[in-house]
Amino acid sequence: MIITTTHTVEGKTITSYRGIVFGEVIAGANFFKDFKAGLTNFFGGRSGAYEQELMDARSSALREMEQRALELGANAVVGMLVNYEVLGSNGSNMLMVTTCGTAVRVD
């Protein structure tokens, strides 16, 4: 499956539009990741635990969007966007990653 942020696929022709597709993931961080990230925040540097959580959530959202496109008979998604949001407060933060795009058939 071709997934692109552009609205066309170079060298291909969009033959039909199948609909807008989404992928949504809400991921919670556990105590140990929060503790480790707090140390990183205090001492400086990158938080590998949160970076991995972010990468995993993004990959899951992309897979979910791709599966929904396949269910519509699409072989590509164009105009794909990724959005990130933090939900919650008072230390109970959760990460929401959403992807969306237009499912299409290309030849």
PDB file of N, CA and C in Angstrom:
ATOM      1  N   MET A   1       0.847  -1.176   0.000  1.00  0.00           N
ATOM      2  CA  MET A   1       0.000   0.000   0.000  1.00  0.00           C
ATOM      3  C   MET A   1       0.887   1.232   0.000  1.00  0.00           C
ATOM      4  N   ILE A   2       0.544   2.176  -0.859  1.00  0.00           N
ATOM      5  CA  ILE A   2       1.246   3.457  -0.906  1.00  0.00           C
ATOM      6  C   ILE A   2       0.543   4.410   0.057  1.00  0.00           C
ATOM      7  N   ILE A   3       1.304   4.999   0.954  1.00  0.00           N
ATOM      8  CA  ILE A   3       0.769   6.019   1.857  1.00  0.00           C
ATOM      9  C   ILE A   3       1.647   7.243   1.687  1.00  0.00           C
ATOM     10  N   THR A   4       1.023   8.368   1.325  1.00  0.00           N
ATOM     11  CA  THR A   4       1.797   9.571   1.048  1.00  0.00           C
ATOM     12  C   THR A   4       1.101  10.812   1.609  1.00  0.00           C
ATOM     13  N   THR A   5       1.900  11.804   1.944  1.00  0.00           N
ATOM     14  CA  THR A   5       1.351  13.071   2.424  1.00  0.00           C
ATOM     15  C   THR A   5       0.935  13.964   1.261  1.00  0.00           C
ATOM     16  N   THR A   6       1.348  13.622   0.057  1.00  0.00           N
ATOM     17  CA  THR A   6       0.964  14.405  -1.112  1.00  0.00           C
ATOM     18  C   THR A   6      -0.439  14.006  -1.561  1.00  0.00           C
ATOM     19  N   HIS A   7      -1.012  14.795  -2.457  1.00  0.00           N
ATOM     20  CA  HIS A   7      -2.371  14.525  -2.928  1.00  0.00           C
ATOM     21  C   HIS A   7      -2.397  13.757  -4.246  1.00  0.00           C
ATOM     22  N   THR A   8      -1.226  13.393  -4.726  1.00  0.00           N
ATOM     23  CA  THR A   8      -1.109  12.567  -5.915  1.00  0.00           C
ATOM     24  C   THR A   8      -0.007  11.558  -5.674  1.00  0.00           C
ATOM     25  N   VAL A   9       0.044  10.537  -6.532  1.00  0.00           N
ATOM     26  CA  VAL A   9       1.131   9.566  -6.487  1.00  0.00           C
ATOM     27  C   VAL A   9       1.849   9.674  -7.828  1.00  0.00           C
ATOM     28  N   GLU A  10       3.095  10.125  -7.779  1.00  0.00           N
ATOM     29  CA  GLU A  10       3.835  10.343  -9.008  1.00  0.00           C
ATOM     30  C   GLU A  10       3.893   9.070  -9.844  1.00  0.00           C
ATOM     31  N   GLY A  11       3.578   9.223 -11.140  1.00  0.00           N
ATOM     32  CA  GLY A  11       3.612   8.093 -12.060  1.00  0.00           C
ATOM     33  C   GLY A  11       2.361   7.229 -12.017  1.00  0.00           C
ATOM     34  N   LYS A  12       1.402   7.570 -11.158  1.00  0.00           N
ATOM     35  CA  LYS A  12       0.160   6.809 -11.026  1.00  0.00           C
ATOM     36  C   LYS A  12      -1.022   7.738 -11.264  1.00  0.00           C
ATOM     37  N   THR A  13      -2.135   7.145 -11.650  1.00  0.00           N
ATOM     38  CA  THR A  13      -3.376   7.888 -11.831  1.00  0.00           C
ATOM     39  C   THR A  13      -4.387   7.409 -10.812  1.00  0.00           C
ATOM     40  N   ILE A  14      -5.006   8.352 -10.099  1.00  0.00           N
ATOM     41  CA  ILE A  14      -6.074   7.991  -9.169  1.00  0.00           C
ATOM     42  C   ILE A  14      -7.306   7.666 -10.003  1.00  0.00           C
ATOM     43  N   THR A  15      -7.779   6.438  -9.864  1.00  0.00           N
ATOM     44  CA  THR A  15      -8.930   6.002 -10.651  1.00  0.00           C
ATOM     45  C   THR A  15     -10.235   6.044  -9.867  1.00  0.00           C
ATOM     46  N   SER A  16     -10.162   6.003  -8.545  1.00  0.00           N
ATOM     47  CA  SER A  16     -11.374   6.142  -7.737  1.00  0.00           C
ATOM     48  C   SER A  16     -11.020   6.549  -6.310  1.00  0.00           C
ATOM     49  N   TYR A  17     -11.933   7.288  -5.736  1.00  0.00           N
ATOM     50  CA  TYR A  17     -11.811   7.714  -4.348  1.00  0.00           C
ATOM     51  C   TYR A  17     -12.721   6.823  -3.516  1.00  0.00           C
ATOM     52  N   ARG A  18     -12.165   6.233  -2.455  1.00  0.00           N
ATOM     53  CA  ARG A  18     -12.919   5.270  -1.647  1.00  0.00           C
ATOM     54  C   ARG A  18     -13.424   5.849  -0.330  1.00  0.00           C
ATOM     55  N   GLY A  19     -12.918   6.991   0.076  1.00  0.00           N
ATOM     56  CA  GLY A  19     -13.381   7.613   1.315  1.00  0.00           C
ATOM     57  C   GLY A  19     -12.231   8.018   2.223  1.00  0.00           C
ATOM     58  N   ILE A  20     -12.578   8.748   3.255  1.00  0.00           N
ATOM     59  CA  ILE A  20     -11.588   9.179   4.246  1.00  0.00           C
ATOM     60  C   ILE A  20     -11.406   8.059   5.257  1.00  0.00           C
ATOM     61  N   VAL A  21     -10.160   7.790   5.588  1.00  0.00           N
ATOM     62  CA  VAL A  21      -9.852   6.733   6.555  1.00  0.00           C
ATOM     63  C   VAL A  21      -9.038   7.320   7.699  1.00  0.00           C
ATOM     64  N   PHE A  22      -9.202   6.704   8.867  1.00  0.00           N
ATOM     65  CA  PHE A  22      -8.541   7.169  10.084  1.00  0.00           C
ATOM     66  C   PHE A  22      -7.863   6.009  10.795  1.00  0.00           C
ATOM     67  N   GLY A  23      -6.877   6.337  11.580  1.00  0.00           N
ATOM     68  CA  GLY A  23      -6.277   5.414  12.537  1.00  0.00           C
ATOM     69  C   GLY A  23      -6.130   6.176  13.840  1.00  0.00           C
ATOM     70  N   GLU A  24      -6.549   5.578  14.936  1.00  0.00           N
ATOM     71  CA  GLU A  24      -6.483   6.250  16.233  1.00  0.00           C
ATOM     72  C   GLU A  24      -5.867   5.325  17.272  1.00  0.00           C
ATOM     73  N   VAL A  25      -4.958   5.891  18.042  1.00  0.00           N
ATOM     74  CA  VAL A  25      -4.324   5.132  19.118  1.00  0.00           C
ATOM     75  C   VAL A  25      -4.214   6.048  20.332  1.00  0.00           C
ATOM     76  N   ILE A  26      -4.607   5.525  21.479  1.00  0.00           N
ATOM     77  CA  ILE A  26      -4.388   6.237  22.744  1.00  0.00           C
ATOM     78  C   ILE A  26      -3.487   5.349  23.588  1.00  0.00           C
ATOM     79  N   ALA A  27      -2.332   5.869  23.919  1.00  0.00           N
ATOM     80  CA  ALA A  27      -1.337   5.091  24.654  1.00  0.00           C
ATOM     81  C   ALA A  27      -1.062   5.757  25.997  1.00  0.00           C
ATOM     82  N   GLY A  28      -1.045   4.963  27.027  1.00  0.00           N
ATOM     83  CA  GLY A  28      -0.730   5.464  28.358  1.00  0.00           C
ATOM     84  C   GLY A  28       0.720   5.154  28.692  1.00  0.00           C
ATOM     85  N   ALA A  29       1.299   6.012  29.470  1.00  0.00           N
ATOM     86  CA  ALA A  29       2.658   5.768  29.945  1.00  0.00           C
ATOM     87  C   ALA A  29       2.570   5.167  31.345  1.00  0.00           C
ATOM     88  N   ASN A  30       3.457   4.247  31.634  1.00  0.00           N
ATOM     89  CA  ASN A  30       3.407   3.632  32.962  1.00  0.00           C
ATOM     90  C   ASN A  30       4.331   4.351  33.939  1.00  0.00           C
ATOM     91  N   PHE A  31       4.277   3.951  35.172  1.00  0.00           N
ATOM     92  CA  PHE A  31       5.030   4.604  36.239  1.00  0.00           C
ATOM     93  C   PHE A  31       6.528   4.641  35.940  1.00  0.00           C
ATOM     94  N   PHE A  32       7.079   3.528  35.464  1.00  0.00           N
ATOM     95  CA  PHE A  32       8.524   3.462  35.238  1.00  0.00           C
ATOM     96  C   PHE A  32       8.959   4.399  34.120  1.00  0.00           C
ATOM     97  N   LYS A  33       8.184   4.495  33.051  1.00  0.00           N
ATOM     98  CA  LYS A  33       8.513   5.434  31.983  1.00  0.00           C
ATOM     99  C   LYS A  33       8.417   6.859  32.497  1.00  0.00           C
ATOM    100  N   ASP A  34       7.367   7.150  33.287  1.00  0.00           N
ATOM    101  CA  ASP A  34       7.218   8.491  33.849  1.00  0.00           C
ATOM    102  C   ASP A  34       8.397   8.844  34.747  1.00  0.00           C
ATOM    103  N   PHE A  35       8.818   7.900  35.577  1.00  0.00           N
ATOM    104  CA  PHE A  35       9.939   8.130  36.489  1.00  0.00           C
ATOM    105  C   PHE A  35      11.219   8.390  35.704  1.00  0.00           C
ATOM    106  N   LYS A  36      11.484   7.535  34.733  1.00  0.00           N
ATOM    107  CA  LYS A  36      12.695   7.682  33.918  1.00  0.00           C
ATOM    108  C   LYS A  36      12.670   8.991  33.133  1.00  0.00           C
ATOM    109  N   ALA A  37      11.501   9.344  32.582  1.00  0.00           N
ATOM    110  CA  ALA A  37      11.384  10.597  31.840  1.00  0.00           C
ATOM    111  C   ALA A  37      11.582  11.790  32.764  1.00  0.00           C
ATOM    112  N   GLY A  38      11.106  11.678  34.008  1.00  0.00           N
ATOM    113  CA  GLY A  38      11.308  12.751  34.972  1.00  0.00           C
ATOM    114  C   GLY A  38      12.788  12.982  35.251  1.00  0.00           C
ATOM    115  N   LEU A  39      13.545  11.890  35.352  1.00  0.00           N
ATOM    116  CA  LEU A  39      14.995  12.022  35.544  1.00  0.00           C
ATOM    117  C   LEU A  39      15.642  12.674  34.331  1.00  0.00           C
ATOM    118  N   THR A  40      15.214  12.268  33.141  1.00  0.00           N
ATOM    119  CA  THR A  40      15.764  12.851  31.919  1.00  0.00           C
ATOM    120  C   THR A  40      15.442  14.333  31.861  1.00  0.00           C
ATOM    121  N   ASN A  41      14.232  14.701  32.246  1.00  0.00           N
ATOM    122  CA  ASN A  41      13.825  16.094  32.255  1.00  0.00           C
ATOM    123  C   ASN A  41      14.683  16.899  33.232  1.00  0.00           C
ATOM    124  N   PHE A  42      14.981  16.309  34.392  1.00  0.00           N
ATOM    125  CA  PHE A  42      15.777  16.991  35.413  1.00  0.00           C
ATOM    126  C   PHE A  42      17.227  17.147  34.975  1.00  0.00           C
ATOM    127  N   PHE A  43      17.824  16.060  34.446  1.00  0.00           N
ATOM    128  CA  PHE A  43      19.242  16.075  34.089  1.00  0.00           C
ATOM    129  C   PHE A  43      19.499  16.494  32.645  1.00  0.00           C
ATOM    130  N   GLY A  44      18.477  16.519  31.834  1.00  0.00           N
ATOM    131  CA  GLY A  44      18.633  16.887  30.428  1.00  0.00           C
ATOM    132  C   GLY A  44      18.807  15.653  29.557  1.00  0.00           C
ATOM    133  N   GLY A  45      18.609  15.839  28.277  1.00  0.00           N
ATOM    134  CA  GLY A  45      18.765  14.739  27.332  1.00  0.00           C
ATOM    135  C   GLY A  45      17.438  14.297  26.756  1.00  0.00           C
ATOM    136  N   ARG A  46      17.496  13.252  25.973  1.00  0.00           N
ATOM    137  CA  ARG A  46      16.310  12.722  25.307  1.00  0.00           C
ATOM    138  C   ARG A  46      15.701  11.591  26.124  1.00  0.00           C
ATOM    139  N   SER A  47      14.392  11.462  26.017  1.00  0.00           N
ATOM    140  CA  SER A  47      13.688  10.401  26.730  1.00  0.00           C
ATOM    141  C   SER A  47      13.423   9.247  25.772  1.00  0.00           C
ATOM    142  N   GLY A  48      14.289   8.260  25.806  1.00  0.00           N
ATOM    143  CA  GLY A  48      14.154   7.100  24.931  1.00  0.00           C
ATOM    144  C   GLY A  48      12.866   6.340  25.149  1.00  0.00           C
ATOM    145  N   ALA A  49      12.407   6.263  26.392  1.00  0.00           N
ATOM    146  CA  ALA A  49      11.177   5.524  26.696  1.00  0.00           C
ATOM    147  C   ALA A  49       9.975   6.190  26.037  1.00  0.00           C
ATOM    148  N   TYR A  50       9.873   7.502  26.149  1.00  0.00           N
ATOM    149  CA  TYR A  50       8.758   8.208  25.533  1.00  0.00           C
ATOM    150  C   TYR A  50       8.888   8.241  24.022  1.00  0.00           C
ATOM    151  N   GLU A  51      10.111   8.369  23.524  1.00  0.00           N
ATOM    152  CA  GLU A  51      10.305   8.349  22.068  1.00  0.00           C
ATOM    153  C   GLU A  51       9.841   7.019  21.485  1.00  0.00           C
ATOM    154  N   GLN A  52      10.156   5.927  22.152  1.00  0.00           N
ATOM    155  CA  GLN A  52       9.736   4.610  21.673  1.00  0.00           C
ATOM    156  C   GLN A  52       8.221   4.485  21.741  1.00  0.00           C
ATOM    157  N   GLU A  53       7.614   4.990  22.806  1.00  0.00           N
ATOM    158  CA  GLU A  53       6.154   4.961  22.941  1.00  0.00           C
ATOM    159  C   GLU A  53       5.511   5.747  21.798  1.00  0.00           C
ATOM    160  N   LEU A  54       6.076   6.894  21.472  1.00  0.00           N
ATOM    161  CA  LEU A  54       5.570   7.719  20.384  1.00  0.00           C
ATOM    162  C   LEU A  54       5.684   7.000  19.041  1.00  0.00           C
ATOM    163  N   MET A  55       6.829   6.390  18.781  1.00  0.00           N
ATOM    164  CA  MET A  55       7.031   5.651  17.524  1.00  0.00           C
ATOM    165  C   MET A  55       6.078   4.473  17.413  1.00  0.00           C
ATOM    166  N   ASP A  56       5.874   3.758  18.515  1.00  0.00           N
ATOM    167  CA  ASP A  56       4.957   2.611  18.518  1.00  0.00           C
ATOM    168  C   ASP A  56       3.520   3.058  18.258  1.00  0.00           C
ATOM    169  N   ALA A  57       3.110   4.142  18.897  1.00  0.00           N
ATOM    170  CA  ALA A  57       1.745   4.642  18.717  1.00  0.00           C
ATOM    171  C   ALA A  57       1.529   5.114  17.281  1.00  0.00           C
ATOM    172  N   ARG A  58       2.508   5.803  16.715  1.00  0.00           N
ATOM    173  CA  ARG A  58       2.390   6.270  15.329  1.00  0.00           C
ATOM    174  C   ARG A  58       2.303   5.095  14.364  1.00  0.00           C
ATOM    175  N   SER A  59       3.139   4.090  14.551  1.00  0.00           N
ATOM    176  CA  SER A  59       3.102   2.896  13.697  1.00  0.00           C
ATOM    177  C   SER A  59       1.760   2.190  13.787  1.00  0.00           C
ATOM    178  N   SER A  60       1.208   2.084  14.990  1.00  0.00           N
ATOM    179  CA  SER A  60      -0.089   1.438  15.176  1.00  0.00           C
ATOM    180  C   SER A  60      -1.202   2.221  14.478  1.00  0.00           C
ATOM    181  N   ALA A  61      -1.165   3.540  14.587  1.00  0.00           N
ATOM    182  CA  ALA A  61      -2.187   4.367  13.943  1.00  0.00           C
ATOM    183  C   ALA A  61      -2.098   4.247  12.422  1.00  0.00           C
ATOM    184  N   LEU A  62      -0.886   4.203  11.887  1.00  0.00           N
ATOM    185  CA  LEU A  62      -0.711   4.031  10.442  1.00  0.00           C
ATOM    186  C   LEU A  62      -1.220   2.673   9.976  1.00  0.00           C
ATOM    187  N   ARG A  63      -0.912   1.624  10.742  1.00  0.00           N
ATOM    188  CA  ARG A  63      -1.399   0.275  10.385  1.00  0.00           C
ATOM    189  C   ARG A  63      -2.920   0.217  10.411  1.00  0.00           C
ATOM    190  N   GLU A  64      -3.527   0.842  11.416  1.00  0.00           N
ATOM    191  CA  GLU A  64      -4.982   0.853  11.518  1.00  0.00           C
ATOM    192  C   GLU A  64      -5.612   1.585  10.335  1.00  0.00           C
ATOM    193  N   MET A  65      -5.035   2.723   9.955  1.00  0.00           N
ATOM    194  CA  MET A  65      -5.540   3.478   8.813  1.00  0.00           C
ATOM    195  C   MET A  65      -5.391   2.666   7.528  1.00  0.00           C
ATOM    196  N   GLU A  66      -4.251   2.016   7.365  1.00  0.00           N
ATOM    197  CA  GLU A  66      -4.012   1.188   6.188  1.00  0.00           C
ATOM    198  C   GLU A  66      -5.029   0.046   6.111  1.00  0.00           C
ATOM    199  N   GLN A  67      -5.305  -0.601   7.226  1.00  0.00           N
ATOM    200  CA  GLN A  67      -6.274  -1.698   7.251  1.00  0.00           C
ATOM    201  C   GLN A  67      -7.665  -1.207   6.845  1.00  0.00           C
ATOM    202  N   ARG A  68      -8.045  -0.043   7.323  1.00  0.00           N
ATOM    203  CA  ARG A  68      -9.352   0.509   6.969  1.00  0.00           C
ATOM    204  C   ARG A  68      -9.411   0.861   5.479  1.00  0.00           C
ATOM    205  N   ALA A  69      -8.298   1.332   4.929  1.00  0.00           N
ATOM    206  CA  ALA A  69      -8.247   1.623   3.488  1.00  0.00           C
ATOM    207  C   ALA A  69      -8.382   0.336   2.678  1.00  0.00           C
ATOM    208  N   LEU A  70      -7.692  -0.718   3.115  1.00  0.00           N
ATOM    209  CA  LEU A  70      -7.798  -2.002   2.426  1.00  0.00           C
ATOM    210  C   LEU A  70      -9.233  -2.523   2.444  1.00  0.00           C
ATOM    211  N   GLU A  71      -9.919  -2.344   3.558  1.00  0.00           N
ATOM    212  CA  GLU A  71     -11.309  -2.788   3.669  1.00  0.00           C
ATOM    213  C   GLU A  71     -12.222  -2.058   2.689  1.00  0.00           C
ATOM    214  N   LEU A  72     -11.820  -0.856   2.257  1.00  0.00           N
ATOM    215  CA  LEU A  72     -12.586  -0.101   1.272  1.00  0.00           C
ATOM    216  C   LEU A  72     -12.155  -0.415  -0.159  1.00  0.00           C
ATOM    217  N   GLY A  73     -11.191  -1.325  -0.307  1.00  0.00           N
ATOM    218  CA  GLY A  73     -10.714  -1.688  -1.638  1.00  0.00           C
ATOM    219  C   GLY A  73      -9.663  -0.747  -2.198  1.00  0.00           C
ATOM    220  N   ALA A  74      -9.061   0.054  -1.350  1.00  0.00           N
ATOM    221  CA  ALA A  74      -8.039   1.007  -1.785  1.00  0.00           C
ATOM    222  C   ALA A  74      -6.673   0.326  -1.878  1.00  0.00           C
ATOM    223  N   ASN A  75      -5.798   0.888  -2.703  1.00  0.00           N
ATOM    224  CA  ASN A  75      -4.418   0.428  -2.737  1.00  0.00           C
ATOM    225  C   ASN A  75      -3.441   1.573  -2.460  1.00  0.00           C
ATOM    226  N   ALA A  76      -3.993   2.729  -2.017  1.00  0.00           N
ATOM    227  CA  ALA A  76      -3.157   3.869  -1.638  1.00  0.00           C
ATOM    228  C   ALA A  76      -3.958   4.797  -0.730  1.00  0.00           C
ATOM    229  N   VAL A  77      -3.226   5.588   0.042  1.00  0.00           N
ATOM    230  CA  VAL A  77      -3.826   6.656   0.850  1.00  0.00           C
ATOM    231  C   VAL A  77      -3.051   7.921   0.522  1.00  0.00           C
ATOM    232  N   VAL A  78      -3.774   8.954   0.099  1.00  0.00           N
ATOM    233  CA  VAL A  78      -3.126  10.226  -0.235  1.00  0.00           C
ATOM    234  C   VAL A  78      -3.550  11.297   0.766  1.00  0.00           C
ATOM    235  N   GLY A  79      -2.752  12.372   0.846  1.00  0.00           N
ATOM    236  CA  GLY A  79      -3.063  13.471   1.754  1.00  0.00           C
ATOM    237  C   GLY A  79      -3.014  13.078   3.212  1.00  0.00           C
ATOM    238  N   MET A  80      -2.152  12.127   3.559  1.00  0.00           N
ATOM    239  CA  MET A  80      -2.090  11.591   4.918  1.00  0.00           C
ATOM    240  C   MET A  80      -1.538  12.641   5.892  1.00  0.00           C
ATOM    241  N   LEU A  81      -2.182  12.729   7.038  1.00  0.00           N
ATOM    242  CA  LEU A  81      -1.742  13.612   8.117  1.00  0.00           C
ATOM    243  C   LEU A  81      -1.596  12.806   9.402  1.00  0.00           C
ATOM    244  N   VAL A  82      -0.665  13.222  10.245  1.00  0.00           N
ATOM    245  CA  VAL A  82      -0.499  12.626  11.577  1.00  0.00           C
ATOM    246  C   VAL A  82      -0.676  13.744  12.587  1.00  0.00           C
ATOM    247  N   ASN A  83      -1.497  13.489  13.611  1.00  0.00           N
ATOM    248  CA  ASN A  83      -1.717  14.460  14.678  1.00  0.00           C
ATOM    249  C   ASN A  83      -1.400  13.813  16.023  1.00  0.00           C
ATOM    250  N   TYR A  84      -0.840  14.615  16.915  1.00  0.00           N
ATOM    251  CA  TYR A  84      -0.486  14.163  18.256  1.00  0.00           C
ATOM    252  C   TYR A  84      -1.191  15.042  19.274  1.00  0.00           C
ATOM    253  N   GLU A  85      -1.655  14.429  20.360  1.00  0.00           N
ATOM    254  CA  GLU A  85      -2.322  15.183  21.413  1.00  0.00           C
ATOM    255  C   GLU A  85      -2.049  14.492  22.743  1.00  0.00           C
ATOM    256  N   VAL A  86      -1.902  15.274  23.794  1.00  0.00           N
ATOM    257  CA  VAL A  86      -1.760  14.730  25.139  1.00  0.00           C
ATOM    258  C   VAL A  86      -3.097  14.900  25.844  1.00  0.00           C
ATOM    259  N   LEU A  87      -3.605  13.812  26.383  1.00  0.00           N
ATOM    260  CA  LEU A  87      -4.877  13.823  27.102  1.00  0.00           C
ATOM    261  C   LEU A  87      -4.614  13.634  28.582  1.00  0.00           C
ATOM    262  N   GLY A  88      -5.411  14.261  29.391  1.00  0.00           N
ATOM    263  CA  GLY A  88      -5.287  14.075  30.828  1.00  0.00           C
ATOM    264  C   GLY A  88      -4.498  15.185  31.492  1.00  0.00           C
ATOM    265  N   SER A  89      -4.467  15.117  32.810  1.00  0.00           N
ATOM    266  CA  SER A  89      -3.731  16.104  33.596  1.00  0.00           C
ATOM    267  C   SER A  89      -3.350  15.476  34.922  1.00  0.00           C
ATOM    268  N   ASN A  90      -2.624  16.200  35.721  1.00  0.00           N
ATOM    269  CA  ASN A  90      -2.225  15.744  37.060  1.00  0.00           C
ATOM    270  C   ASN A  90      -1.464  14.431  37.035  1.00  0.00           C
ATOM    271  N   GLY A  91      -0.557  14.283  36.064  1.00  0.00           N
ATOM    272  CA  GLY A  91       0.284  13.096  36.022  1.00  0.00           C
ATOM    273  C   GLY A  91      -0.355  11.879  35.388  1.00  0.00           C
ATOM    274  N   SER A  92      -1.583  11.983  34.911  1.00  0.00           N
ATOM    275  CA  SER A  92      -2.223  10.832  34.277  1.00  0.00           C
ATOM    276  C   SER A  92      -2.316  11.042  32.764  1.00  0.00           C
ATOM    277  N   ASN A  93      -1.256  11.564  32.183  1.00  0.00           N
ATOM    278  CA  ASN A  93      -1.264  11.885  30.769  1.00  0.00           C
ATOM    279  C   ASN A  93      -1.279  10.630  29.912  1.00  0.00           C
ATOM    280  N   MET A  94      -1.995  10.754  28.797  1.00  0.00           N
ATOM    281  CA  MET A  94      -2.016   9.707  27.792  1.00  0.00           C
ATOM    282  C   MET A  94      -1.743  10.376  26.456  1.00  0.00           C
ATOM    283  N   LEU A  95      -1.121   9.650  25.565  1.00  0.00           N
ATOM    284  CA  LEU A  95      -0.779  10.162  24.249  1.00  0.00           C
ATOM    285  C   LEU A  95      -1.795   9.661  23.237  1.00  0.00           C
ATOM    286  N   MET A  96      -2.374  10.580  22.469  1.00  0.00           N
ATOM    287  CA  MET A  96      -3.280  10.199  21.400  1.00  0.00           C
ATOM    288  C   MET A  96      -2.612  10.531  20.072  1.00  0.00           C
ATOM    289  N   VAL A  97      -2.531   9.539  19.205  1.00  0.00           N
ATOM    290  CA  VAL A  97      -1.984   9.723  17.863  1.00  0.00           C
ATOM    291  C   VAL A  97      -3.083   9.361  16.878  1.00  0.00           C
ATOM    292  N   THR A  98      -3.386  10.276  15.965  1.00  0.00           N
ATOM    293  CA  THR A  98      -4.372   9.998  14.939  1.00  0.00           C
ATOM    294  C   THR A  98      -3.748  10.210  13.571  1.00  0.00           C
ATOM    295  N   THR A  99      -4.148   9.378  12.636  1.00  0.00           N
ATOM    296  CA  THR A  99      -3.741   9.532  11.247  1.00  0.00           C
ATOM    297  C   THR A  99      -5.015   9.598  10.411  1.00  0.00           C
ATOM    298  N   CYS A 100      -4.960  10.338   9.316  1.00  0.00           N
ATOM    299  CA  CYS A 100      -6.099  10.366   8.413  1.00  0.00           C
ATOM    300  C   CYS A 100      -5.593  10.635   6.998  1.00  0.00           C
ATOM    301  N   GLY A 101      -6.382  10.216   6.052  1.00  0.00           N
ATOM    302  CA  GLY A 101      -6.050  10.434   4.661  1.00  0.00           C
ATOM    303  C   GLY A 101      -7.210   9.969   3.795  1.00  0.00           C
ATOM    304  N   THR A 102      -7.054  10.129   2.496  1.00  0.00           N
ATOM    305  CA  THR A 102      -8.070   9.713   1.547  1.00  0.00           C
ATOM    306  C   THR A 102      -7.658   8.386   0.918  1.00  0.00           C
ATOM    307  N   ALA A 103      -8.516   7.380   1.076  1.00  0.00           N
ATOM    308  CA  ALA A 103      -8.266   6.075   0.480  1.00  0.00           C
ATOM    309  C   ALA A 103      -8.629   6.136  -0.999  1.00  0.00           C
ATOM    310  N   VAL A 104      -7.711   5.678  -1.849  1.00  0.00           N
ATOM    311  CA  VAL A 104      -7.919   5.740  -3.294  1.00  0.00           C
ATOM    312  C   VAL A 104      -7.448   4.460  -3.964  1.00  0.00           C
ATOM    313  N   ARG A 105      -7.878   4.271  -5.207  1.00  0.00           N
ATOM    314  CA  ARG A 105      -7.326   3.237  -6.088  1.00  0.00           C
ATOM    315  C   ARG A 105      -6.460   3.959  -7.098  1.00  0.00           C
ATOM    316  N   VAL A 106      -5.252   3.467  -7.278  1.00  0.00           N
ATOM    317  CA  VAL A 106      -4.360   4.023  -8.293  1.00  0.00           C
ATOM    318  C   VAL A 106      -3.938   2.928  -9.260  1.00  0.00           C
ATOM    319  N   ASP A 107      -3.712   3.319 -10.495  1.00  0.00           N
ATOM    320  CA  ASP A 107      -3.188   2.422 -11.524  1.00  0.00           C
ATOM    321  C   ASP A 107      -1.928   2.998 -12.120  1.00  0.00           C
TER     322      ASP A 107
END
